[in-house]
PDB file of all heavy atoms in Angstrom:
ATOM      1  N   LYS A   1      16.793 -14.717  10.454  1.00  0.00           N
ATOM      2  CA  LYS A   1      15.499 -14.026  10.409  1.00  0.00           C
ATOM      3  C   LYS A   1      15.442 -12.980   9.292  1.00  0.00           C
ATOM      4  O   LYS A   1      14.479 -12.241   9.182  1.00  0.00           O
ATOM      5  CB  LYS A   1      15.210 -13.334  11.745  1.00  0.00           C
ATOM      6  CG  LYS A   1      14.968 -14.310  12.873  1.00  0.00           C
ATOM      7  CD  LYS A   1      14.729 -13.703  14.234  1.00  0.00           C
ATOM      8  CE  LYS A   1      14.523 -12.256  14.336  1.00  0.00           C
ATOM      9  NZ  LYS A   1      14.145 -11.782  15.647  1.00  0.00           N
ATOM     10  N   ALA A   2      16.483 -12.910   8.472  1.00  0.00           N
ATOM     11  CA  ALA A   2      16.537 -11.917   7.395  1.00  0.00           C
ATOM     12  C   ALA A   2      16.602 -12.619   6.046  1.00  0.00           C
ATOM     13  O   ALA A   2      17.326 -13.596   5.879  1.00  0.00           O
ATOM     14  CB  ALA A   2      17.763 -11.022   7.570  1.00  0.00           C
ATOM     15  N   MET A   3      15.807 -12.101   5.121  1.00  0.00           N
ATOM     16  CA  MET A   3      15.801 -12.620   3.753  1.00  0.00           C
ATOM     17  C   MET A   3      16.133 -11.468   2.816  1.00  0.00           C
ATOM     18  O   MET A   3      15.588 -10.380   2.954  1.00  0.00           O
ATOM     19  CB  MET A   3      14.411 -13.156   3.406  1.00  0.00           C
ATOM     20  CG  MET A   3      14.243 -13.558   1.971  1.00  0.00           C
ATOM     21  SD  MET A   3      12.531 -13.971   1.625  1.00  0.00           S
ATOM     22  CE  MET A   3      12.742 -14.887   0.123  1.00  0.00           C
ATOM     23  N   THR A   4      17.040 -11.714   1.886  1.00  0.00           N
ATOM     24  CA  THR A   4      17.392 -10.698   0.894  1.00  0.00           C
ATOM     25  C   THR A   4      16.877 -11.153  -0.454  1.00  0.00           C
ATOM     26  O   THR A   4      17.083 -12.309  -0.849  1.00  0.00           O
ATOM     27  CB  THR A   4      18.914 -10.503   0.826  1.00  0.00           C
ATOM     28  OG1 THR A   4      19.389 -10.125   2.112  1.00  0.00           O
ATOM     29  CG2 THR A   4      19.276  -9.428  -0.183  1.00  0.00           C
ATOM     30  N   LEU A   5      16.183 -10.271  -1.140  1.00  0.00           N
ATOM     31  CA  LEU A   5      15.758 -10.587  -2.494  1.00  0.00           C
ATOM     32  C   LEU A   5      16.035  -9.392  -3.388  1.00  0.00           C
ATOM     33  O   LEU A   5      16.143  -8.262  -2.923  1.00  0.00           O
ATOM     34  CB  LEU A   5      14.297 -11.018  -2.552  1.00  0.00           C
ATOM     35  CG  LEU A   5      13.227 -10.033  -2.118  1.00  0.00           C
ATOM     36  CD1 LEU A   5      12.593  -9.388  -3.345  1.00  0.00           C
ATOM     37  CD2 LEU A   5      12.157 -10.768  -1.332  1.00  0.00           C
ATOM     38  N   HIS A   6      16.177  -9.683  -4.660  1.00  0.00           N
ATOM     39  CA  HIS A   6      16.490  -8.641  -5.632  1.00  0.00           C
ATOM     40  C   HIS A   6      15.247  -8.321  -6.457  1.00  0.00           C
ATOM     41  O   HIS A   6      14.553  -9.224  -6.902  1.00  0.00           O
ATOM     42  CB  HIS A   6      17.646  -9.086  -6.532  1.00  0.00           C
ATOM     43  CG  HIS A   6      18.927  -9.215  -5.796  1.00  0.00           C
ATOM     44  ND1 HIS A   6      19.835  -8.181  -5.699  1.00  0.00           N
ATOM     45  CD2 HIS A   6      19.455 -10.240  -5.089  1.00  0.00           C
ATOM     46  CE1 HIS A   6      20.861  -8.565  -4.972  1.00  0.00           C
ATOM     47  NE2 HIS A   6      20.653  -9.803  -4.590  1.00  0.00           N
ATOM     48  N   TYR A   7      15.010  -7.027  -6.642  1.00  0.00           N
ATOM     49  CA  TYR A   7      13.862  -6.582  -7.420  1.00  0.00           C
ATOM     50  C   TYR A   7      13.862  -7.218  -8.812  1.00  0.00           C
ATOM     51  O   TYR A   7      12.814  -7.597  -9.332  1.00  0.00           O
ATOM     52  CB  TYR A   7      13.873  -5.048  -7.531  1.00  0.00           C
ATOM     53  CG  TYR A   7      12.726  -4.536  -8.352  1.00  0.00           C
ATOM     54  CD1 TYR A   7      11.430  -4.531  -7.839  1.00  0.00           C
ATOM     55  CD2 TYR A   7      12.929  -4.064  -9.649  1.00  0.00           C
ATOM     56  CE1 TYR A   7      10.368  -4.079  -8.597  1.00  0.00           C
ATOM     57  CE2 TYR A   7      11.870  -3.604 -10.410  1.00  0.00           C
ATOM     58  CZ  TYR A   7      10.588  -3.616  -9.885  1.00  0.00           C
ATOM     59  OH  TYR A   7       9.542  -3.181 -10.642  1.00  0.00           O
ATOM     60  N   GLU A   8      15.028  -7.372  -9.387  1.00  0.00           N
ATOM     61  CA  GLU A   8      15.125  -7.945 -10.729  1.00  0.00           C
ATOM     62  C   GLU A   8      14.635  -9.392 -10.768  1.00  0.00           C
ATOM     63  O   GLU A   8      14.091  -9.836 -11.777  1.00  0.00           O
ATOM     64  CB  GLU A   8      16.568  -7.844 -11.234  1.00  0.00           C
ATOM     65  CG  GLU A   8      17.038  -6.414 -11.447  1.00  0.00           C
ATOM     66  CD  GLU A   8      17.439  -5.682 -10.168  1.00  0.00           C
ATOM     67  OE1 GLU A   8      17.551  -6.317  -9.092  1.00  0.00           O
ATOM     68  OE2 GLU A   8      17.645  -4.455 -10.247  1.00  0.00           O
ATOM     69  N   ASP A   9      14.789 -10.139  -9.657  1.00  0.00           N
ATOM     70  CA  ASP A   9      14.251 -11.492  -9.584  1.00  0.00           C
ATOM     71  C   ASP A   9      12.735 -11.469  -9.514  1.00  0.00           C
ATOM     72  O   ASP A   9      12.066 -12.322 -10.097  1.00  0.00           O
ATOM     73  CB  ASP A   9      14.810 -12.231  -8.357  1.00  0.00           C
ATOM     74  CG  ASP A   9      16.297 -12.498  -8.476  1.00  0.00           C
ATOM     75  OD1 ASP A   9      16.825 -12.499  -9.616  1.00  0.00           O
ATOM     76  OD2 ASP A   9      16.943 -12.692  -7.427  1.00  0.00           O
ATOM     77  N   LEU A  10      12.208 -10.495  -8.791  1.00  0.00           N
ATOM     78  CA  LEU A  10      10.751 -10.341  -8.727  1.00  0.00           C
ATOM     79  C   LEU A  10      10.188 -10.082 -10.116  1.00  0.00           C
ATOM     80  O   LEU A  10       9.154 -10.630 -10.502  1.00  0.00           O
ATOM     81  CB  LEU A  10      10.366  -9.205  -7.775  1.00  0.00           C
ATOM     82  CG  LEU A  10       8.886  -8.874  -7.670  1.00  0.00           C
ATOM     83  CD1 LEU A  10       8.101 -10.044  -7.094  1.00  0.00           C
ATOM     84  CD2 LEU A  10       8.683  -7.624  -6.814  1.00  0.00           C
ATOM     85  N   VAL A  11      10.862  -9.237 -10.891  1.00  0.00           N
ATOM     86  CA  VAL A  11      10.417  -8.929 -12.247  1.00  0.00           C
ATOM     87  C   VAL A  11      10.514 -10.158 -13.150  1.00  0.00           C
ATOM     88  O   VAL A  11       9.594 -10.464 -13.906  1.00  0.00           O
ATOM     89  CB  VAL A  11      11.234  -7.757 -12.838  1.00  0.00           C
ATOM     90  CG1 VAL A  11      10.949  -7.574 -14.318  1.00  0.00           C
ATOM     91  CG2 VAL A  11      10.935  -6.472 -12.076  1.00  0.00           C
ATOM     92  N   ALA A  12      11.630 -10.866 -13.070  1.00  0.00           N
ATOM     93  CA  ALA A  12      11.873 -12.012 -13.947  1.00  0.00           C
ATOM     94  C   ALA A  12      11.024 -13.227 -13.582  1.00  0.00           C
ATOM     95  O   ALA A  12      10.548 -13.948 -14.467  1.00  0.00           O
ATOM     96  CB  ALA A  12      13.357 -12.388 -13.921  1.00  0.00           C
ATOM     97  N   ARG A  13      10.836 -13.450 -12.282  1.00  0.00           N
ATOM     98  CA  ARG A  13      10.109 -14.627 -11.812  1.00  0.00           C
ATOM     99  C   ARG A  13       9.170 -14.242 -10.661  1.00  0.00           C
ATOM    100  O   ARG A  13       9.422 -14.607  -9.503  1.00  0.00           O
ATOM    101  CB  ARG A  13      11.105 -15.698 -11.354  1.00  0.00           C
ATOM    102  CG  ARG A  13      12.000 -16.227 -12.460  1.00  0.00           C
ATOM    103  CD  ARG A  13      13.056 -17.197 -11.977  1.00  0.00           C
ATOM    104  NE  ARG A  13      13.962 -16.656 -10.981  1.00  0.00           N
ATOM    105  CZ  ARG A  13      14.963 -15.813 -11.235  1.00  0.00           C
ATOM    106  NH1 ARG A  13      15.179 -15.407 -12.458  1.00  0.00           N
ATOM    107  NH2 ARG A  13      15.741 -15.366 -10.280  1.00  0.00           N
ATOM    108  N   PRO A  14       8.117 -13.502 -10.973  1.00  0.00           N
ATOM    109  CA  PRO A  14       7.267 -12.980  -9.886  1.00  0.00           C
ATOM    110  C   PRO A  14       6.686 -14.068  -8.977  1.00  0.00           C
ATOM    111  O   PRO A  14       6.775 -13.958  -7.756  1.00  0.00           O
ATOM    112  CB  PRO A  14       6.162 -12.214 -10.603  1.00  0.00           C
ATOM    113  CG  PRO A  14       6.491 -12.209 -12.041  1.00  0.00           C
ATOM    114  CD  PRO A  14       7.669 -13.080 -12.282  1.00  0.00           C
ATOM    115  N   GLU A  15       6.115 -15.096  -9.559  1.00  0.00           N
ATOM    116  CA  GLU A  15       5.473 -16.100  -8.715  1.00  0.00           C
ATOM    117  C   GLU A  15       6.478 -16.825  -7.835  1.00  0.00           C
ATOM    118  O   GLU A  15       6.263 -16.977  -6.626  1.00  0.00           O
ATOM    119  CB  GLU A  15       4.694 -17.117  -9.553  1.00  0.00           C
ATOM    120  CG  GLU A  15       3.960 -18.114  -8.664  1.00  0.00           C
ATOM    121  CD  GLU A  15       3.082 -19.080  -9.423  1.00  0.00           C
ATOM    122  OE1 GLU A  15       2.604 -18.740 -10.526  1.00  0.00           O
ATOM    123  OE2 GLU A  15       2.853 -20.185  -8.888  1.00  0.00           O
ATOM    124  N   ALA A  16       7.582 -17.267  -8.404  1.00  0.00           N
ATOM    125  CA  ALA A  16       8.592 -17.981  -7.616  1.00  0.00           C
ATOM    126  C   ALA A  16       9.139 -17.096  -6.497  1.00  0.00           C
ATOM    127  O   ALA A  16       9.335 -17.559  -5.370  1.00  0.00           O
ATOM    128  CB  ALA A  16       9.718 -18.462  -8.522  1.00  0.00           C
ATOM    129  N   THR A  17       9.363 -15.815  -6.806  1.00  0.00           N
ATOM    130  CA  THR A  17       9.912 -14.905  -5.800  1.00  0.00           C
ATOM    131  C   THR A  17       8.911 -14.654  -4.684  1.00  0.00           C
ATOM    132  O   THR A  17       9.256 -14.705  -3.503  1.00  0.00           O
ATOM    133  CB  THR A  17      10.340 -13.580  -6.459  1.00  0.00           C
ATOM    134  OG1 THR A  17      11.260 -13.860  -7.509  1.00  0.00           O
ATOM    135  CG2 THR A  17      10.973 -12.639  -5.442  1.00  0.00           C
ATOM    136  N   VAL A  18       7.659 -14.422  -5.049  1.00  0.00           N
ATOM    137  CA  VAL A  18       6.619 -14.177  -4.038  1.00  0.00           C
ATOM    138  C   VAL A  18       6.397 -15.445  -3.207  1.00  0.00           C
ATOM    139  O   VAL A  18       6.210 -15.365  -1.986  1.00  0.00           O
ATOM    140  CB  VAL A  18       5.311 -13.676  -4.689  1.00  0.00           C
ATOM    141  CG1 VAL A  18       4.188 -13.622  -3.669  1.00  0.00           C
ATOM    142  CG2 VAL A  18       5.544 -12.294  -5.304  1.00  0.00           C
ATOM    143  N   ARG A  19       6.450 -16.594  -3.830  1.00  0.00           N
ATOM    144  CA  ARG A  19       6.315 -17.856  -3.067  1.00  0.00           C
ATOM    145  C   ARG A  19       7.439 -17.983  -2.032  1.00  0.00           C
ATOM    146  O   ARG A  19       7.201 -18.423  -0.901  1.00  0.00           O
ATOM    147  CB  ARG A  19       6.324 -19.061  -4.003  1.00  0.00           C
ATOM    148  CG  ARG A  19       5.010 -19.311  -4.708  1.00  0.00           C
ATOM    149  CD  ARG A  19       5.065 -20.594  -5.561  1.00  0.00           C
ATOM    150  NE  ARG A  19       3.832 -20.823  -6.259  1.00  0.00           N
ATOM    151  CZ  ARG A  19       2.774 -21.432  -5.747  1.00  0.00           C
ATOM    152  NH1 ARG A  19       2.819 -21.880  -4.499  1.00  0.00           N
ATOM    153  NH2 ARG A  19       1.679 -21.594  -6.456  1.00  0.00           N
ATOM    154  N   SER A  20       8.648 -17.608  -2.407  1.00  0.00           N
ATOM    155  CA  SER A  20       9.762 -17.724  -1.456  1.00  0.00           C
ATOM    156  C   SER A  20       9.581 -16.756  -0.290  1.00  0.00           C
ATOM    157  O   SER A  20       9.902 -17.096   0.854  1.00  0.00           O
ATOM    158  CB  SER A  20      11.107 -17.509  -2.155  1.00  0.00           C
ATOM    159  OG  SER A  20      11.254 -16.166  -2.567  1.00  0.00           O
ATOM    160  N   VAL A  21       9.046 -15.565  -0.554  1.00  0.00           N
ATOM    161  CA  VAL A  21       8.782 -14.607   0.527  1.00  0.00           C
ATOM    162  C   VAL A  21       7.687 -15.160   1.444  1.00  0.00           C
ATOM    163  O   VAL A  21       7.796 -15.086   2.678  1.00  0.00           O
ATOM    164  CB  VAL A  21       8.407 -13.225  -0.027  1.00  0.00           C
ATOM    165  CG1 VAL A  21       7.959 -12.287   1.090  1.00  0.00           C
ATOM    166  CG2 VAL A  21       9.569 -12.613  -0.798  1.00  0.00           C
ATOM    167  N   CYS A  22       6.636 -15.712   0.861  1.00  0.00           N
ATOM    168  CA  CYS A  22       5.553 -16.291   1.668  1.00  0.00           C
ATOM    169  C   CYS A  22       6.074 -17.409   2.564  1.00  0.00           C
ATOM    170  O   CYS A  22       5.726 -17.483   3.745  1.00  0.00           O
ATOM    171  CB  CYS A  22       4.438 -16.819   0.760  1.00  0.00           C
ATOM    172  SG  CYS A  22       3.471 -15.542  -0.047  1.00  0.00           S
ATOM    173  N   ALA A  23       6.913 -18.271   1.999  1.00  0.00           N
ATOM    174  CA  ALA A  23       7.485 -19.368   2.791  1.00  0.00           C
ATOM    175  C   ALA A  23       8.298 -18.817   3.954  1.00  0.00           C
ATOM    176  O   ALA A  23       8.206 -19.302   5.081  1.00  0.00           O
ATOM    177  CB  ALA A  23       8.341 -20.274   1.904  1.00  0.00           C
ATOM    178  N   PHE A  24       9.087 -17.795   3.684  1.00  0.00           N
ATOM    179  CA  PHE A  24       9.904 -17.176   4.732  1.00  0.00           C
ATOM    180  C   PHE A  24       9.029 -16.581   5.827  1.00  0.00           C
ATOM    181  O   PHE A  24       9.335 -16.701   7.012  1.00  0.00           O
ATOM    182  CB  PHE A  24      10.792 -16.100   4.112  1.00  0.00           C
ATOM    183  CG  PHE A  24      11.568 -15.297   5.121  1.00  0.00           C
ATOM    184  CD1 PHE A  24      12.683 -15.837   5.744  1.00  0.00           C
ATOM    185  CD2 PHE A  24      11.189 -14.007   5.445  1.00  0.00           C
ATOM    186  CE1 PHE A  24      13.395 -15.097   6.671  1.00  0.00           C
ATOM    187  CE2 PHE A  24      11.895 -13.263   6.370  1.00  0.00           C
ATOM    188  CZ  PHE A  24      12.999 -13.808   6.992  1.00  0.00           C
ATOM    189  N   LEU A  25       7.925 -15.931   5.435  1.00  0.00           N
ATOM    190  CA  LEU A  25       7.034 -15.285   6.397  1.00  0.00           C
ATOM    191  C   LEU A  25       6.085 -16.261   7.095  1.00  0.00           C
ATOM    192  O   LEU A  25       5.412 -15.895   8.054  1.00  0.00           O
ATOM    193  CB  LEU A  25       6.204 -14.193   5.711  1.00  0.00           C
ATOM    194  CG  LEU A  25       6.981 -13.011   5.144  1.00  0.00           C
ATOM    195  CD1 LEU A  25       6.047 -12.085   4.370  1.00  0.00           C
ATOM    196  CD2 LEU A  25       7.687 -12.249   6.254  1.00  0.00           C
ATOM    197  N   GLY A  26       6.009 -17.483   6.586  1.00  0.00           N
ATOM    198  CA  GLY A  26       5.114 -18.473   7.188  1.00  0.00           C
ATOM    199  C   GLY A  26       3.665 -18.256   6.835  1.00  0.00           C
ATOM    200  O   GLY A  26       2.767 -18.560   7.631  1.00  0.00           O
ATOM    201  N   ILE A  27       3.415 -17.721   5.652  1.00  0.00           N
ATOM    202  CA  ILE A  27       2.027 -17.529   5.186  1.00  0.00           C
ATOM    203  C   ILE A  27       1.840 -18.299   3.887  1.00  0.00           C
ATOM    204  O   ILE A  27       2.807 -18.627   3.190  1.00  0.00           O
ATOM    205  CB  ILE A  27       1.678 -16.043   4.993  1.00  0.00           C
ATOM    206  CG1 ILE A  27       2.582 -15.389   3.931  1.00  0.00           C
ATOM    207  CG2 ILE A  27       1.761 -15.290   6.313  1.00  0.00           C
ATOM    208  CD1 ILE A  27       2.185 -13.954   3.593  1.00  0.00           C
ATOM    209  N   ASP A  28       0.590 -18.576   3.568  1.00  0.00           N
ATOM    210  CA  ASP A  28       0.285 -19.304   2.346  1.00  0.00           C
ATOM    211  C   ASP A  28       0.376 -18.383   1.136  1.00  0.00           C
ATOM    212  O   ASP A  28      -0.024 -17.210   1.199  1.00  0.00           O
ATOM    213  CB  ASP A  28      -1.133 -19.896   2.410  1.00  0.00           C
ATOM    214  CG  ASP A  28      -1.267 -20.965   3.478  1.00  0.00           C
ATOM    215  OD1 ASP A  28      -0.264 -21.669   3.738  1.00  0.00           O
ATOM    216  OD2 ASP A  28      -2.362 -21.098   4.053  1.00  0.00           O
ATOM    217  N   TYR A  29       0.880 -18.927   0.047  1.00  0.00           N
ATOM    218  CA  TYR A  29       0.902 -18.184  -1.209  1.00  0.00           C
ATOM    219  C   TYR A  29      -0.526 -18.125  -1.765  1.00  0.00           C
ATOM    220  O   TYR A  29      -1.286 -19.084  -1.665  1.00  0.00           O
ATOM    221  CB  TYR A  29       1.826 -18.875  -2.218  1.00  0.00           C
ATOM    222  CG  TYR A  29       1.671 -18.316  -3.617  1.00  0.00           C
ATOM    223  CD1 TYR A  29       2.297 -17.126  -3.968  1.00  0.00           C
ATOM    224  CD2 TYR A  29       0.871 -18.954  -4.550  1.00  0.00           C
ATOM    225  CE1 TYR A  29       2.126 -16.586  -5.236  1.00  0.00           C
ATOM    226  CE2 TYR A  29       0.709 -18.425  -5.819  1.00  0.00           C
ATOM    227  CZ  TYR A  29       1.332 -17.238  -6.155  1.00  0.00           C
ATOM    228  OH  TYR A  29       1.157 -16.709  -7.398  1.00  0.00           O
ATOM    229  N   ALA A  30      -0.870 -16.993  -2.348  1.00  0.00           N
ATOM    230  CA  ALA A  30      -2.152 -16.838  -3.035  1.00  0.00           C
ATOM    231  C   ALA A  30      -1.888 -16.102  -4.342  1.00  0.00           C
ATOM    232  O   ALA A  30      -1.132 -15.130  -4.361  1.00  0.00           O
ATOM    233  CB  ALA A  30      -3.134 -16.042  -2.170  1.00  0.00           C
ATOM    234  N   PRO A  31      -2.502 -16.527  -5.442  1.00  0.00           N
ATOM    235  CA  PRO A  31      -2.277 -15.872  -6.731  1.00  0.00           C
ATOM    236  C   PRO A  31      -2.576 -14.368  -6.707  1.00  0.00           C
ATOM    237  O   PRO A  31      -1.978 -13.599  -7.451  1.00  0.00           O
ATOM    238  CB  PRO A  31      -3.231 -16.601  -7.684  1.00  0.00           C
ATOM    239  CG  PRO A  31      -3.472 -17.926  -7.048  1.00  0.00           C
ATOM    240  CD  PRO A  31      -3.389 -17.687  -5.560  1.00  0.00           C
ATOM    241  N   GLU A  32      -3.475 -13.930  -5.811  1.00  0.00           N
ATOM    242  CA  GLU A  32      -3.816 -12.508  -5.721  1.00  0.00           C
ATOM    243  C   GLU A  32      -2.631 -11.643  -5.332  1.00  0.00           C
ATOM    244  O   GLU A  32      -2.630 -10.427  -5.533  1.00  0.00           O
ATOM    245  CB  GLU A  32      -4.937 -12.278  -4.691  1.00  0.00           C
ATOM    246  CG  GLU A  32      -6.223 -13.039  -4.959  1.00  0.00           C
ATOM    247  CD  GLU A  32      -6.177 -14.476  -4.441  1.00  0.00           C
ATOM    248  OE1 GLU A  32      -5.883 -14.702  -3.249  1.00  0.00           O
ATOM    249  OE2 GLU A  32      -6.440 -15.373  -5.253  1.00  0.00           O
ATOM    250  N   LEU A  33      -1.600 -12.249  -4.761  1.00  0.00           N
ATOM    251  CA  LEU A  33      -0.412 -11.491  -4.383  1.00  0.00           C
ATOM    252  C   LEU A  33       0.313 -10.924  -5.606  1.00  0.00           C
ATOM    253  O   LEU A  33       1.100  -9.986  -5.484  1.00  0.00           O
ATOM    254  CB  LEU A  33       0.543 -12.359  -3.558  1.00  0.00           C
ATOM    255  CG  LEU A  33       0.032 -12.750  -2.168  1.00  0.00           C
ATOM    256  CD1 LEU A  33       0.937 -13.796  -1.547  1.00  0.00           C
ATOM    257  CD2 LEU A  33      -0.079 -11.533  -1.279  1.00  0.00           C
ATOM    258  N   LEU A  34       0.054 -11.487  -6.774  1.00  0.00           N
ATOM    259  CA  LEU A  34       0.674 -10.996  -8.001  1.00  0.00           C
ATOM    260  C   LEU A  34      -0.139  -9.896  -8.663  1.00  0.00           C
ATOM    261  O   LEU A  34       0.258  -9.375  -9.707  1.00  0.00           O
ATOM    262  CB  LEU A  34       0.881 -12.154  -8.984  1.00  0.00           C
ATOM    263  CG  LEU A  34       1.835 -13.252  -8.510  1.00  0.00           C
ATOM    264  CD1 LEU A  34       1.951 -14.341  -9.557  1.00  0.00           C
ATOM    265  CD2 LEU A  34       3.200 -12.686  -8.178  1.00  0.00           C
ATOM    266  N   THR A  35      -1.258  -9.541  -8.056  1.00  0.00           N
ATOM    267  CA  THR A  35      -2.084  -8.447  -8.592  1.00  0.00           C
ATOM    268  C   THR A  35      -2.407  -7.460  -7.471  1.00  0.00           C
ATOM    269  O   THR A  35      -3.568  -7.273  -7.087  1.00  0.00           O
ATOM    270  CB  THR A  35      -3.394  -9.007  -9.214  1.00  0.00           C
ATOM    271  OG1 THR A  35      -4.060  -9.824  -8.247  1.00  0.00           O
ATOM    272  CG2 THR A  35      -3.104  -9.802 -10.482  1.00  0.00           C
ATOM    273  N   PRO A  36      -1.374  -6.794  -6.932  1.00  0.00           N
ATOM    274  CA  PRO A  36      -1.585  -5.925  -5.768  1.00  0.00           C
ATOM    275  C   PRO A  36      -2.510  -4.735  -6.037  1.00  0.00           C
ATOM    276  O   PRO A  36      -3.152  -4.244  -5.122  1.00  0.00           O
ATOM    277  CB  PRO A  36      -0.164  -5.462  -5.426  1.00  0.00           C
ATOM    278  CG  PRO A  36       0.609  -5.627  -6.681  1.00  0.00           C
ATOM    279  CD  PRO A  36       0.012  -6.805  -7.385  1.00  0.00           C
ATOM    280  N   ALA A  37      -2.599  -4.281  -7.273  1.00  0.00           N
ATOM    281  CA  ALA A  37      -3.449  -3.123  -7.571  1.00  0.00           C
ATOM    282  C   ALA A  37      -4.932  -3.457  -7.490  1.00  0.00           C
ATOM    283  O   ALA A  37      -5.774  -2.558  -7.458  1.00  0.00           O
ATOM    284  CB  ALA A  37      -3.117  -2.565  -8.960  1.00  0.00           C
ATOM    285  N   ASN A  38      -5.258  -4.735  -7.424  1.00  0.00           N
ATOM    286  CA  ASN A  38      -6.669  -5.137  -7.344  1.00  0.00           C
ATOM    287  C   ASN A  38      -7.216  -5.070  -5.925  1.00  0.00           C
ATOM    288  O   ASN A  38      -8.395  -5.324  -5.719  1.00  0.00           O
ATOM    289  CB  ASN A  38      -6.841  -6.561  -7.873  1.00  0.00           C
ATOM    290  CG  ASN A  38      -6.555  -6.669  -9.353  1.00  0.00           C
ATOM    291  OD1 ASN A  38      -6.302  -5.669 -10.016  1.00  0.00           O
ATOM    292  ND2 ASN A  38      -6.600  -7.875  -9.880  1.00  0.00           N
ATOM    293  N   ARG A  39      -6.360  -4.763  -4.960  1.00  0.00           N
ATOM    294  CA  ARG A  39      -6.799  -4.703  -3.562  1.00  0.00           C
ATOM    295  C   ARG A  39      -6.496  -3.343  -2.982  1.00  0.00           C
ATOM    296  O   ARG A  39      -5.593  -2.653  -3.416  1.00  0.00           O
ATOM    297  CB  ARG A  39      -6.064  -5.764  -2.737  1.00  0.00           C
ATOM    298  CG  ARG A  39      -6.380  -7.171  -3.204  1.00  0.00           C
ATOM    299  CD  ARG A  39      -5.887  -8.195  -2.249  1.00  0.00           C
ATOM    300  NE  ARG A  39      -6.504  -8.001  -0.942  1.00  0.00           N
ATOM    301  CZ  ARG A  39      -6.179  -8.685   0.120  1.00  0.00           C
ATOM    302  NH1 ARG A  39      -5.249  -9.589   0.067  1.00  0.00           N
ATOM    303  NH2 ARG A  39      -6.762  -8.465   1.269  1.00  0.00           N
TER     304      ARG A  39
END
């Protein structure tokens, strides 16, 4: 039930990293997740 990710991976591969977090959480990926300041 635990996922470890590295901030440096988020920086290097934002979409792939966010997709892996979404998969772990059981939610759908949305491109808006890469623009958090817009919400």
